[in-house]
Amino acid sequence: MAAEPGTIPRGMTDENWTPADDTRVIEPDNEQYNARLIRRVDHTDDLATFWVRFDGEPTPFEPGQYMTIGVYADGKLVQRPYSVASPPETAGEDGYEMYVRLVPIPRFTTLLWRLEEGQAMRMIGPKGKFMLEPDDDRTHLYVSTGTGIAPFMSMMRQHLIHGRPRRTVMLNGSSYVEELGYREILESWERDGTYPVTYVPTISRPADPRNAGWSGRSGRAEGVIMDVCDELKLRPEETVVYICGNPDMIINVEERLLAAGYPEAHVKKELYWPKGKTVTATDIRAAAAGLATG
């Protein structure tokens, strides 16, 4: 959806906004607010983690589900859904962790980036069916790009709390090394055996100066998926795959896995929009940034 007439500064389009260009007035208080931004960590100019906590008791959720957060700006509720990266057990004290990319269009993230810790917000949920099967002893292959890694962190963190980690392969693709989310945590888990995970980061733009010094795997997630499966000797009948991230990546990874003999029931994916919806260029940009999962 494009910005409303009259809201875009002269000489700009609705595709190259920054938070400083967003002049909508955010209401500091509203009777519909029921939560608060309690913490944020900025990783890059357009990638950050936000923790939002209910004012009252936390709402239970399952790892893989999403919450919708928003604020009132210019008298209207502006909100977006985000997968939760934290485990349910910490929601009461630490809130719900959300890993978000800033999208340069005048929707929600240009408002979110302007919020300071302590800002009241509205949060509802959970929703979503992108959840693990109980007591599943198959190898779990998580495939993600960008902020699509978030639900997998929630799943793994809960398994650690319950003392029941599952053998996992984490394939995460990014354009730039600095955008590999949760890299230090995953490398630490793999290194010291905290979690039985094989972490496989891959960079799609290895020649870019921002990736100078990168000696790891290169290529898009869909381009390396079968090499990863072969190298780690993953067997289709003994592996369950979860895919979350860029919609084109999801389609391409699924096609490659099915062609390699993975049963369709073993490949689960988080869709950004329902079947039959007309997909616009703006939808694709927002989805690629991990704005709306579910």
C-alpha atoms as a PDB file:
ATOM      1  CA  MET A   1       0.000   0.000   0.000  1.00  0.00           C
ATOM      2  CA  ALA A   2       1.450   3.360  -0.988  1.00  0.00           C
ATOM      3  CA  ALA A   3       1.500   6.312   1.348  1.00  0.00           C
ATOM      4  CA  GLU A   4      -1.579   8.488   1.434  1.00  0.00           C
ATOM      5  CA  PRO A   5      -1.550  11.553  -0.847  1.00  0.00           C
ATOM      6  CA  GLY A   6       0.199  14.487   0.733  1.00  0.00           C
ATOM      7  CA  THR A   7       2.299  12.436   3.161  1.00  0.00           C
ATOM      8  CA  ILE A   8       5.377  12.041   0.952  1.00  0.00           C
ATOM      9  CA  PRO A   9       7.888  14.905   0.893  1.00  0.00           C
ATOM     10  CA  ARG A  10       8.447  16.470  -2.521  1.00  0.00           C
ATOM     11  CA  GLY A  11      11.132  14.705  -4.521  1.00  0.00           C
ATOM     12  CA  MET A  12      10.740  11.416  -2.646  1.00  0.00           C
ATOM     13  CA  THR A  13       8.856   8.222  -3.385  1.00  0.00           C
ATOM     14  CA  ASP A  14       7.263   5.878  -0.890  1.00  0.00           C
ATOM     15  CA  GLU A  15      10.204   3.490  -1.356  1.00  0.00           C
ATOM     16  CA  ASN A  16      13.173   5.419   0.039  1.00  0.00           C
ATOM     17  CA  TRP A  17      12.006   6.765   3.355  1.00  0.00           C
ATOM     18  CA  THR A  18      14.088   6.860   6.516  1.00  0.00           C
ATOM     19  CA  PRO A  19      12.681   7.195  10.034  1.00  0.00           C
ATOM     20  CA  ALA A  20      13.704  10.869   9.979  1.00  0.00           C
ATOM     21  CA  ASP A  21      11.426  11.428   6.986  1.00  0.00           C
ATOM     22  CA  ASP A  22       8.418  10.005   8.826  1.00  0.00           C
ATOM     23  CA  THR A  23       6.679  12.963  10.441  1.00  0.00           C
ATOM     24  CA  ARG A  24       3.616  11.107  11.676  1.00  0.00           C
ATOM     25  CA  VAL A  25       2.875  11.997  15.309  1.00  0.00           C
ATOM     26  CA  ILE A  26       3.161   8.947  17.577  1.00  0.00           C
ATOM     27  CA  GLU A  27       0.760   8.992  20.519  1.00  0.00           C
ATOM     28  CA  PRO A  28       2.717   8.470  23.760  1.00  0.00           C
ATOM     29  CA  ASP A  29      -0.387   7.122  25.488  1.00  0.00           C
ATOM     30  CA  ASN A  30      -3.627   5.549  24.314  1.00  0.00           C
ATOM     31  CA  GLU A  31      -6.293   3.527  26.084  1.00  0.00           C
ATOM     32  CA  GLN A  32      -5.633   0.660  23.645  1.00  0.00           C
ATOM     33  CA  TYR A  33      -1.986   0.343  24.671  1.00  0.00           C
ATOM     34  CA  ASN A  34      -1.343  -2.757  26.764  1.00  0.00           C
ATOM     35  CA  ALA A  35       2.418  -3.266  26.441  1.00  0.00           C
ATOM     36  CA  ARG A  36       5.708  -1.407  26.424  1.00  0.00           C
ATOM     37  CA  LEU A  37       8.989  -1.387  24.525  1.00  0.00           C
ATOM     38  CA  ILE A  38      11.426  -2.317  27.268  1.00  0.00           C
ATOM     39  CA  ARG A  39      14.645  -2.806  25.300  1.00  0.00           C
ATOM     40  CA  ARG A  40      16.165  -2.433  21.858  1.00  0.00           C
ATOM     41  CA  VAL A  41      19.542  -3.310  20.382  1.00  0.00           C
ATOM     42  CA  ASP A  42      20.570  -1.838  17.030  1.00  0.00           C
ATOM     43  CA  HIS A  43      22.825  -4.163  15.034  1.00  0.00           C
ATOM     44  CA  THR A  44      23.101  -2.025  11.882  1.00  0.00           C
ATOM     45  CA  ASP A  45      21.315   1.070  10.607  1.00  0.00           C
ATOM     46  CA  ASP A  46      18.434  -1.075   9.379  1.00  0.00           C
ATOM     47  CA  LEU A  47      18.532  -4.186  11.560  1.00  0.00           C
ATOM     48  CA  ALA A  48      17.571  -4.289  15.228  1.00  0.00           C
ATOM     49  CA  THR A  49      16.122  -6.427  17.997  1.00  0.00           C
ATOM     50  CA  PHE A  50      13.173  -5.188  20.050  1.00  0.00           C
ATOM     51  CA  TRP A  51      11.714  -6.556  23.276  1.00  0.00           C
ATOM     52  CA  VAL A  52       8.054  -5.741  23.998  1.00  0.00           C
ATOM     53  CA  ARG A  53       6.416  -6.761  27.290  1.00  0.00           C
ATOM     54  CA  PHE A  54       2.772  -6.822  28.304  1.00  0.00           C
ATOM     55  CA  ASP A  55       1.800  -4.492  31.145  1.00  0.00           C
ATOM     56  CA  GLY A  56      -0.052  -7.400  32.736  1.00  0.00           C
ATOM     57  CA  GLU A  57       0.484 -11.138  32.627  1.00  0.00           C
ATOM     58  CA  PRO A  58       2.196 -12.572  29.532  1.00  0.00           C
ATOM     59  CA  THR A  59       0.170 -14.386  26.911  1.00  0.00           C
ATOM     60  CA  PRO A  60       1.284 -17.995  26.312  1.00  0.00           C
ATOM     61  CA  PHE A  61       2.538 -18.862  22.847  1.00  0.00           C
ATOM     62  CA  GLU A  62       4.259 -21.692  21.021  1.00  0.00           C
ATOM     63  CA  PRO A  63       7.702 -21.213  19.427  1.00  0.00           C
ATOM     64  CA  GLY A  64       7.159 -20.396  15.770  1.00  0.00           C
ATOM     65  CA  GLN A  65       4.124 -18.200  16.380  1.00  0.00           C
ATOM     66  CA  TYR A  66       4.009 -14.439  15.980  1.00  0.00           C
ATOM     67  CA  MET A  67       2.760 -11.411  17.872  1.00  0.00           C
ATOM     68  CA  THR A  68       1.426  -8.190  16.356  1.00  0.00           C
ATOM     69  CA  ILE A  69       2.760  -4.908  17.749  1.00  0.00           C
ATOM     70  CA  GLY A  70       1.793  -1.349  16.941  1.00  0.00           C
ATOM     71  CA  VAL A  71       1.362   2.264  17.965  1.00  0.00           C
ATOM     72  CA  TYR A  72      -1.147   4.978  17.226  1.00  0.00           C
ATOM     73  CA  ALA A  73       0.188   7.611  14.831  1.00  0.00           C
ATOM     74  CA  ASP A  74      -1.866  10.503  13.504  1.00  0.00           C
ATOM     75  CA  GLY A  75      -4.880   8.941  15.162  1.00  0.00           C
ATOM     76  CA  LYS A  76      -4.551   5.569  13.424  1.00  0.00           C
ATOM     77  CA  LEU A  77      -3.287   2.235  14.712  1.00  0.00           C
ATOM     78  CA  VAL A  78      -0.269   1.158  12.660  1.00  0.00           C
ATOM     79  CA  GLN A  79       0.876  -2.389  13.370  1.00  0.00           C
ATOM     80  CA  ARG A  80       2.729  -5.402  11.978  1.00  0.00           C
ATOM     81  CA  PRO A  81       3.155  -9.057  12.976  1.00  0.00           C
ATOM     82  CA  TYR A  82       6.585 -10.441  13.878  1.00  0.00           C
ATOM     83  CA  SER A  83       7.786 -13.913  14.734  1.00  0.00           C
ATOM     84  CA  VAL A  84       8.968 -14.221  18.325  1.00  0.00           C
ATOM     85  CA  ALA A  85      12.649 -15.101  18.763  1.00  0.00           C
ATOM     86  CA  SER A  86      12.549 -15.654  22.521  1.00  0.00           C
ATOM     87  CA  PRO A  87      11.156 -18.700  24.355  1.00  0.00           C
ATOM     88  CA  PRO A  88       7.722 -18.551  26.014  1.00  0.00           C
ATOM     89  CA  GLU A  89       9.268 -19.069  29.442  1.00  0.00           C
ATOM     90  CA  THR A  90      10.917 -15.617  29.480  1.00  0.00           C
ATOM     91  CA  ALA A  91       7.968 -13.536  28.251  1.00  0.00           C
ATOM     92  CA  GLY A  92       6.893 -12.403  31.713  1.00  0.00           C
ATOM     93  CA  GLU A  93      10.228 -10.868  32.662  1.00  0.00           C
ATOM     94  CA  ASP A  94      12.007 -10.163  29.387  1.00  0.00           C
ATOM     95  CA  GLY A  95       9.049  -9.682  27.078  1.00  0.00           C
ATOM     96  CA  TYR A  96       8.759 -10.940  23.506  1.00  0.00           C
ATOM     97  CA  GLU A  97      11.912 -10.633  21.419  1.00  0.00           C
ATOM     98  CA  MET A  98      11.499  -9.577  17.782  1.00  0.00           C
ATOM     99  CA  TYR A  99      14.239  -9.370  15.164  1.00  0.00           C
ATOM    100  CA  VAL A 100      13.303  -6.700  12.625  1.00  0.00           C
ATOM    101  CA  ARG A 101      14.610  -5.076   9.469  1.00  0.00           C
ATOM    102  CA  LEU A 102      13.801  -1.454   8.652  1.00  0.00           C
ATOM    103  CA  VAL A 103      11.906  -1.198   5.364  1.00  0.00           C
ATOM    104  CA  PRO A 104      12.156   2.199   3.607  1.00  0.00           C
ATOM    105  CA  ILE A 105       8.442   2.636   3.055  1.00  0.00           C
ATOM    106  CA  PRO A 106       6.049   4.672   5.234  1.00  0.00           C
ATOM    107  CA  ARG A 107       4.454   1.834   7.129  1.00  0.00           C
ATOM    108  CA  PHE A 108       5.285   0.495  10.571  1.00  0.00           C
ATOM    109  CA  THR A 109       9.057   0.139  10.785  1.00  0.00           C
ATOM    110  CA  THR A 110       9.734   3.821  10.145  1.00  0.00           C
ATOM    111  CA  LEU A 111       7.642   4.412  13.267  1.00  0.00           C
ATOM    112  CA  LEU A 112       9.226   1.554  15.230  1.00  0.00           C
ATOM    113  CA  TRP A 113      12.728   2.909  14.613  1.00  0.00           C
ATOM    114  CA  ARG A 114      11.681   6.218  16.206  1.00  0.00           C
ATOM    115  CA  LEU A 115      10.493   4.624  19.450  1.00  0.00           C
ATOM    116  CA  GLU A 116      12.519   4.986  22.617  1.00  0.00           C
ATOM    117  CA  GLU A 117      12.662   2.413  25.369  1.00  0.00           C
ATOM    118  CA  GLY A 118       9.654   2.863  27.627  1.00  0.00           C
ATOM    119  CA  GLN A 119       7.224   3.772  24.821  1.00  0.00           C
ATOM    120  CA  ALA A 120       3.754   2.320  25.371  1.00  0.00           C
ATOM    121  CA  MET A 121       2.484   0.062  22.572  1.00  0.00           C
ATOM    122  CA  ARG A 122      -0.326  -2.281  21.628  1.00  0.00           C
ATOM    123  CA  MET A 123       0.421  -5.995  21.321  1.00  0.00           C
ATOM    124  CA  ILE A 124      -1.941  -8.825  20.414  1.00  0.00           C
ATOM    125  CA  GLY A 125      -1.538 -12.501  19.620  1.00  0.00           C
ATOM    126  CA  PRO A 126      -0.258 -15.071  19.330  1.00  0.00           C
ATOM    127  CA  LYS A 127      -1.153 -16.444  15.921  1.00  0.00           C
ATOM    128  CA  GLY A 128       0.406 -18.824  13.440  1.00  0.00           C
ATOM    129  CA  LYS A 129       0.752 -22.546  12.805  1.00  0.00           C
ATOM    130  CA  PHE A 130       4.472 -22.695  12.020  1.00  0.00           C
ATOM    131  CA  MET A 131       5.220 -24.928  14.994  1.00  0.00           C
ATOM    132  CA  LEU A 132       7.249 -28.012  15.728  1.00  0.00           C
ATOM    133  CA  GLU A 133       5.788 -31.466  16.055  1.00  0.00           C
ATOM    134  CA  PRO A 134       5.998 -32.872  19.588  1.00  0.00           C
ATOM    135  CA  ASP A 135       8.579 -35.513  20.446  1.00  0.00           C
ATOM    136  CA  ASP A 136      10.086 -35.481  16.956  1.00  0.00           C
ATOM    137  CA  ASP A 137      13.467 -37.237  16.914  1.00  0.00           C
ATOM    138  CA  ARG A 138      14.209 -36.590  13.237  1.00  0.00           C
ATOM    139  CA  THR A 139      17.062 -34.263  12.287  1.00  0.00           C
ATOM    140  CA  HIS A 140      15.687 -30.729  12.051  1.00  0.00           C
ATOM    141  CA  LEU A 141      16.888 -28.669   9.087  1.00  0.00           C
ATOM    142  CA  TYR A 142      16.081 -24.988   9.551  1.00  0.00           C
ATOM    143  CA  VAL A 143      16.479 -22.863   6.416  1.00  0.00           C
ATOM    144  CA  SER A 144      16.157 -19.092   6.672  1.00  0.00           C
ATOM    145  CA  THR A 145      17.180 -15.790   5.171  1.00  0.00           C
ATOM    146  CA  GLY A 146      17.488 -12.499   7.011  1.00  0.00           C
ATOM    147  CA  THR A 147      15.129 -12.081   9.932  1.00  0.00           C
ATOM    148  CA  GLY A 148      13.431 -15.364   9.051  1.00  0.00           C
ATOM    149  CA  ILE A 149      15.786 -16.972  11.560  1.00  0.00           C
ATOM    150  CA  ALA A 150      13.726 -15.600  14.472  1.00  0.00           C
ATOM    151  CA  PRO A 151      11.205 -18.440  14.993  1.00  0.00           C
ATOM    152  CA  PHE A 152      14.004 -21.005  14.944  1.00  0.00           C
ATOM    153  CA  MET A 153      15.780 -19.225  17.790  1.00  0.00           C
ATOM    154  CA  SER A 154      12.584 -19.428  19.843  1.00  0.00           C
ATOM    155  CA  MET A 155      12.318 -23.154  19.133  1.00  0.00           C
ATOM    156  CA  MET A 156      15.917 -23.902  20.061  1.00  0.00           C
ATOM    157  CA  ARG A 157      15.889 -21.747  23.158  1.00  0.00           C
ATOM    158  CA  GLN A 158      12.817 -23.532  24.468  1.00  0.00           C
ATOM    159  CA  HIS A 159      14.443 -26.904  23.850  1.00  0.00           C
ATOM    160  CA  LEU A 160      17.446 -25.799  25.906  1.00  0.00           C
ATOM    161  CA  ILE A 161      15.235 -24.693  28.781  1.00  0.00           C
ATOM    162  CA  HIS A 162      13.433 -28.041  28.757  1.00  0.00           C
ATOM    163  CA  GLY A 163      16.681 -29.976  28.382  1.00  0.00           C
ATOM    164  CA  ARG A 164      15.497 -31.679  25.186  1.00  0.00           C
ATOM    165  CA  PRO A 165      17.514 -30.210  22.289  1.00  0.00           C
ATOM    166  CA  ARG A 166      17.052 -31.871  18.908  1.00  0.00           C
ATOM    167  CA  ARG A 167      19.784 -32.519  16.363  1.00  0.00           C
ATOM    168  CA  THR A 168      19.631 -29.433  14.168  1.00  0.00           C
ATOM    169  CA  VAL A 169      21.186 -28.013  11.020  1.00  0.00           C
ATOM    170  CA  MET A 170      20.787 -24.225  10.811  1.00  0.00           C
ATOM    171  CA  LEU A 171      21.246 -22.841   7.293  1.00  0.00           C
ATOM    172  CA  ASN A 172      20.969 -19.050   7.336  1.00  0.00           C
ATOM    173  CA  GLY A 173      21.549 -16.841   4.322  1.00  0.00           C
ATOM    174  CA  SER A 174      22.345 -13.149   4.241  1.00  0.00           C
ATOM    175  CA  SER A 175      23.686 -10.566   1.834  1.00  0.00           C
ATOM    176  CA  TYR A 176      26.276  -9.303   4.314  1.00  0.00           C
ATOM    177  CA  VAL A 177      28.254 -10.860   7.152  1.00  0.00           C
ATOM    178  CA  GLU A 178      27.133  -8.172   9.593  1.00  0.00           C
ATOM    179  CA  GLU A 179      23.532  -9.227   8.978  1.00  0.00           C
ATOM    180  CA  LEU A 180      23.946 -12.861  10.040  1.00  0.00           C
ATOM    181  CA  GLY A 181      21.533 -12.799  12.952  1.00  0.00           C
ATOM    182  CA  TYR A 182      22.378 -14.643  16.172  1.00  0.00           C
ATOM    183  CA  ARG A 183      25.692 -15.757  14.695  1.00  0.00           C
ATOM    184  CA  GLU A 184      27.665 -15.519  17.933  1.00  0.00           C
ATOM    185  CA  ILE A 185      25.078 -17.509  19.879  1.00  0.00           C
ATOM    186  CA  LEU A 186      24.864 -20.264  17.282  1.00  0.00           C
ATOM    187  CA  GLU A 187      28.635 -20.520  16.885  1.00  0.00           C
ATOM    188  CA  SER A 188      28.973 -20.738  20.658  1.00  0.00           C
ATOM    189  CA  TRP A 189      26.342 -23.464  20.943  1.00  0.00           C
ATOM    190  CA  GLU A 190      28.035 -25.485  18.223  1.00  0.00           C
ATOM    191  CA  ARG A 191      31.543 -24.924  19.582  1.00  0.00           C
ATOM    192  CA  ASP A 192      30.918 -25.900  23.192  1.00  0.00           C
ATOM    193  CA  GLY A 193      28.222 -28.493  22.581  1.00  0.00           C
ATOM    194  CA  THR A 194      25.487 -26.560  24.359  1.00  0.00           C
ATOM    195  CA  TYR A 195      23.147 -27.485  21.522  1.00  0.00           C
ATOM    196  CA  PRO A 196      23.606 -30.268  18.914  1.00  0.00           C
ATOM    197  CA  VAL A 197      23.505 -27.776  16.044  1.00  0.00           C
ATOM    198  CA  THR A 198      25.516 -27.516  12.849  1.00  0.00           C
ATOM    199  CA  TYR A 199      25.511 -23.843  11.934  1.00  0.00           C
ATOM    200  CA  VAL A 200      25.822 -23.110   8.201  1.00  0.00           C
ATOM    201  CA  PRO A 201      25.878 -19.386   7.363  1.00  0.00           C
ATOM    202  CA  THR A 202      26.078 -18.398   3.714  1.00  0.00           C
ATOM    203  CA  ILE A 203      26.695 -15.013   2.104  1.00  0.00           C
ATOM    204  CA  SER A 204      25.076 -14.165  -1.231  1.00  0.00           C
ATOM    205  CA  ARG A 205      27.369 -11.225  -2.103  1.00  0.00           C
ATOM    206  CA  PRO A 206      30.884 -12.428  -1.240  1.00  0.00           C
ATOM    207  CA  ALA A 207      32.593  -9.909  -3.549  1.00  0.00           C
ATOM    208  CA  ASP A 208      31.007  -6.893  -1.885  1.00  0.00           C
ATOM    209  CA  PRO A 209      33.514  -4.794   0.109  1.00  0.00           C
ATOM    210  CA  ARG A 210      31.281  -5.117   3.172  1.00  0.00           C
ATOM    211  CA  ASN A 211      32.103  -8.839   3.180  1.00  0.00           C
ATOM    212  CA  ALA A 212      35.872  -8.428   2.992  1.00  0.00           C
ATOM    213  CA  GLY A 213      37.581 -11.230   4.891  1.00  0.00           C
ATOM    214  CA  TRP A 214      34.665 -13.639   4.693  1.00  0.00           C
ATOM    215  CA  SER A 215      36.013 -17.160   4.124  1.00  0.00           C
ATOM    216  CA  GLY A 216      32.838 -19.112   4.763  1.00  0.00           C
ATOM    217  CA  ARG A 217      30.249 -20.496   2.409  1.00  0.00           C
ATOM    218  CA  SER A 218      29.002 -18.284  -0.415  1.00  0.00           C
ATOM    219  CA  GLY A 219      25.768 -18.349  -2.386  1.00  0.00           C
ATOM    220  CA  ARG A 220      22.054 -18.014  -1.814  1.00  0.00           C
ATOM    221  CA  ALA A 221      20.343 -20.439   0.533  1.00  0.00           C
ATOM    222  CA  GLU A 222      18.496 -22.115  -2.333  1.00  0.00           C
ATOM    223  CA  GLY A 223      21.759 -22.440  -4.219  1.00  0.00           C
ATOM    224  CA  VAL A 224      23.612 -24.287  -1.454  1.00  0.00           C
ATOM    225  CA  ILE A 225      20.796 -26.281   0.148  1.00  0.00           C
ATOM    226  CA  MET A 226      21.476 -29.541  -1.681  1.00  0.00           C
ATOM    227  CA  ASP A 227      25.245 -29.314  -1.137  1.00  0.00           C
ATOM    228  CA  VAL A 228      24.583 -28.906   2.584  1.00  0.00           C
ATOM    229  CA  CYS A 229      22.257 -31.918   2.621  1.00  0.00           C
ATOM    230  CA  ASP A 230      24.832 -34.025   0.768  1.00  0.00           C
ATOM    231  CA  GLU A 231      27.808 -32.933   2.866  1.00  0.00           C
ATOM    232  CA  LEU A 232      25.992 -33.639   6.129  1.00  0.00           C
ATOM    233  CA  LYS A 233      24.508 -36.864   4.751  1.00  0.00           C
ATOM    234  CA  LEU A 234      20.960 -35.864   5.575  1.00  0.00           C
ATOM    235  CA  ARG A 235      18.444 -38.525   4.607  1.00  0.00           C
ATOM    236  CA  PRO A 236      14.995 -37.402   3.404  1.00  0.00           C
ATOM    237  CA  GLU A 237      13.113 -40.003   5.416  1.00  0.00           C
ATOM    238  CA  GLU A 238      14.950 -39.037   8.615  1.00  0.00           C
ATOM    239  CA  THR A 239      14.873 -35.237   8.230  1.00  0.00           C
ATOM    240  CA  VAL A 240      12.166 -32.631   8.763  1.00  0.00           C
ATOM    241  CA  VAL A 241      12.676 -29.230   7.131  1.00  0.00           C
ATOM    242  CA  TYR A 242      11.353 -25.845   8.248  1.00  0.00           C
ATOM    243  CA  ILE A 243      11.781 -22.853   5.907  1.00  0.00           C
ATOM    244  CA  CYS A 244      11.246 -19.182   6.741  1.00  0.00           C
ATOM    245  CA  GLY A 245      12.329 -15.984   4.991  1.00  0.00           C
ATOM    246  CA  ASN A 246      12.248 -14.544   1.504  1.00  0.00           C
ATOM    247  CA  PRO A 247       9.232 -16.010  -0.338  1.00  0.00           C
ATOM    248  CA  ASP A 248      11.216 -16.743  -3.507  1.00  0.00           C
ATOM    249  CA  MET A 249      13.771 -18.609  -1.421  1.00  0.00           C
ATOM    250  CA  ILE A 250      11.051 -20.668   0.230  1.00  0.00           C
ATOM    251  CA  ILE A 251       9.615 -21.744  -3.113  1.00  0.00           C
ATOM    252  CA  ASN A 252      13.029 -22.570  -4.592  1.00  0.00           C
ATOM    253  CA  VAL A 253      14.255 -24.527  -1.561  1.00  0.00           C
ATOM    254  CA  GLU A 254      11.035 -26.531  -1.408  1.00  0.00           C
ATOM    255  CA  GLU A 255      11.244 -27.392  -5.119  1.00  0.00           C
ATOM    256  CA  ARG A 256      14.831 -28.600  -4.785  1.00  0.00           C
ATOM    257  CA  LEU A 257      14.082 -30.720  -1.731  1.00  0.00           C
ATOM    258  CA  LEU A 258      11.007 -32.345  -3.264  1.00  0.00           C
ATOM    259  CA  ALA A 259      12.963 -33.108  -6.428  1.00  0.00           C
ATOM    260  CA  ALA A 260      15.632 -34.770  -4.271  1.00  0.00           C
ATOM    261  CA  GLY A 261      13.088 -37.110  -2.717  1.00  0.00           C
ATOM    262  CA  TYR A 262      12.088 -35.287   0.451  1.00  0.00           C
ATOM    263  CA  PRO A 263       8.450 -36.121   1.228  1.00  0.00           C
ATOM    264  CA  GLU A 264       6.166 -33.105   0.967  1.00  0.00           C
ATOM    265  CA  ALA A 265       4.947 -33.734   4.509  1.00  0.00           C
ATOM    266  CA  HIS A 266       8.539 -33.343   5.730  1.00  0.00           C
ATOM    267  CA  VAL A 267       8.894 -29.808   4.320  1.00  0.00           C
ATOM    268  CA  LYS A 268       7.158 -27.096   6.322  1.00  0.00           C
ATOM    269  CA  LYS A 269       7.188 -23.423   5.454  1.00  0.00           C
ATOM    270  CA  GLU A 270       6.128 -20.058   6.825  1.00  0.00           C
ATOM    271  CA  LEU A 271       4.140 -18.224   4.139  1.00  0.00           C
ATOM    272  CA  TYR A 272       4.027 -14.429   4.124  1.00  0.00           C
ATOM    273  CA  TRP A 273       0.700 -14.247   2.317  1.00  0.00           C
ATOM    274  CA  PRO A 274      -2.154 -16.665   1.685  1.00  0.00           C
ATOM    275  CA  LYS A 275      -2.561 -18.469  -1.593  1.00  0.00           C
ATOM    276  CA  GLY A 276      -4.619 -16.519  -4.066  1.00  0.00           C
ATOM    277  CA  LYS A 277      -3.536 -13.086  -2.863  1.00  0.00           C
ATOM    278  CA  THR A 278      -2.223 -10.682  -5.491  1.00  0.00           C
ATOM    279  CA  VAL A 279       1.422 -10.092  -4.626  1.00  0.00           C
ATOM    280  CA  THR A 280       2.858  -6.613  -5.210  1.00  0.00           C
ATOM    281  CA  ALA A 281       6.452  -5.411  -5.320  1.00  0.00           C
ATOM    282  CA  THR A 282       5.920  -3.789  -1.936  1.00  0.00           C
ATOM    283  CA  ASP A 283       4.701  -7.115  -0.514  1.00  0.00           C
ATOM    284  CA  ILE A 284       7.869  -8.796  -1.719  1.00  0.00           C
ATOM    285  CA  ARG A 285      10.119  -6.114  -0.185  1.00  0.00           C
ATOM    286  CA  ALA A 286       8.301  -6.325   3.131  1.00  0.00           C
ATOM    287  CA  ALA A 287       8.306 -10.108   3.153  1.00  0.00           C
ATOM    288  CA  ALA A 288      11.973 -10.313   2.310  1.00  0.00           C
ATOM    289  CA  ALA A 289      12.668  -8.142   5.334  1.00  0.00           C
ATOM    290  CA  GLY A 290      10.779 -10.550   7.560  1.00  0.00           C
ATOM    291  CA  LEU A 291       8.049  -8.103   8.465  1.00  0.00           C
ATOM    292  CA  ALA A 292       5.054 -10.383   8.471  1.00  0.00           C
ATOM    293  CA  THR A 293       5.452 -14.034   9.245  1.00  0.00           C
ATOM    294  CA  GLY A 294       2.331 -16.080   9.342  1.00  0.00           C
END
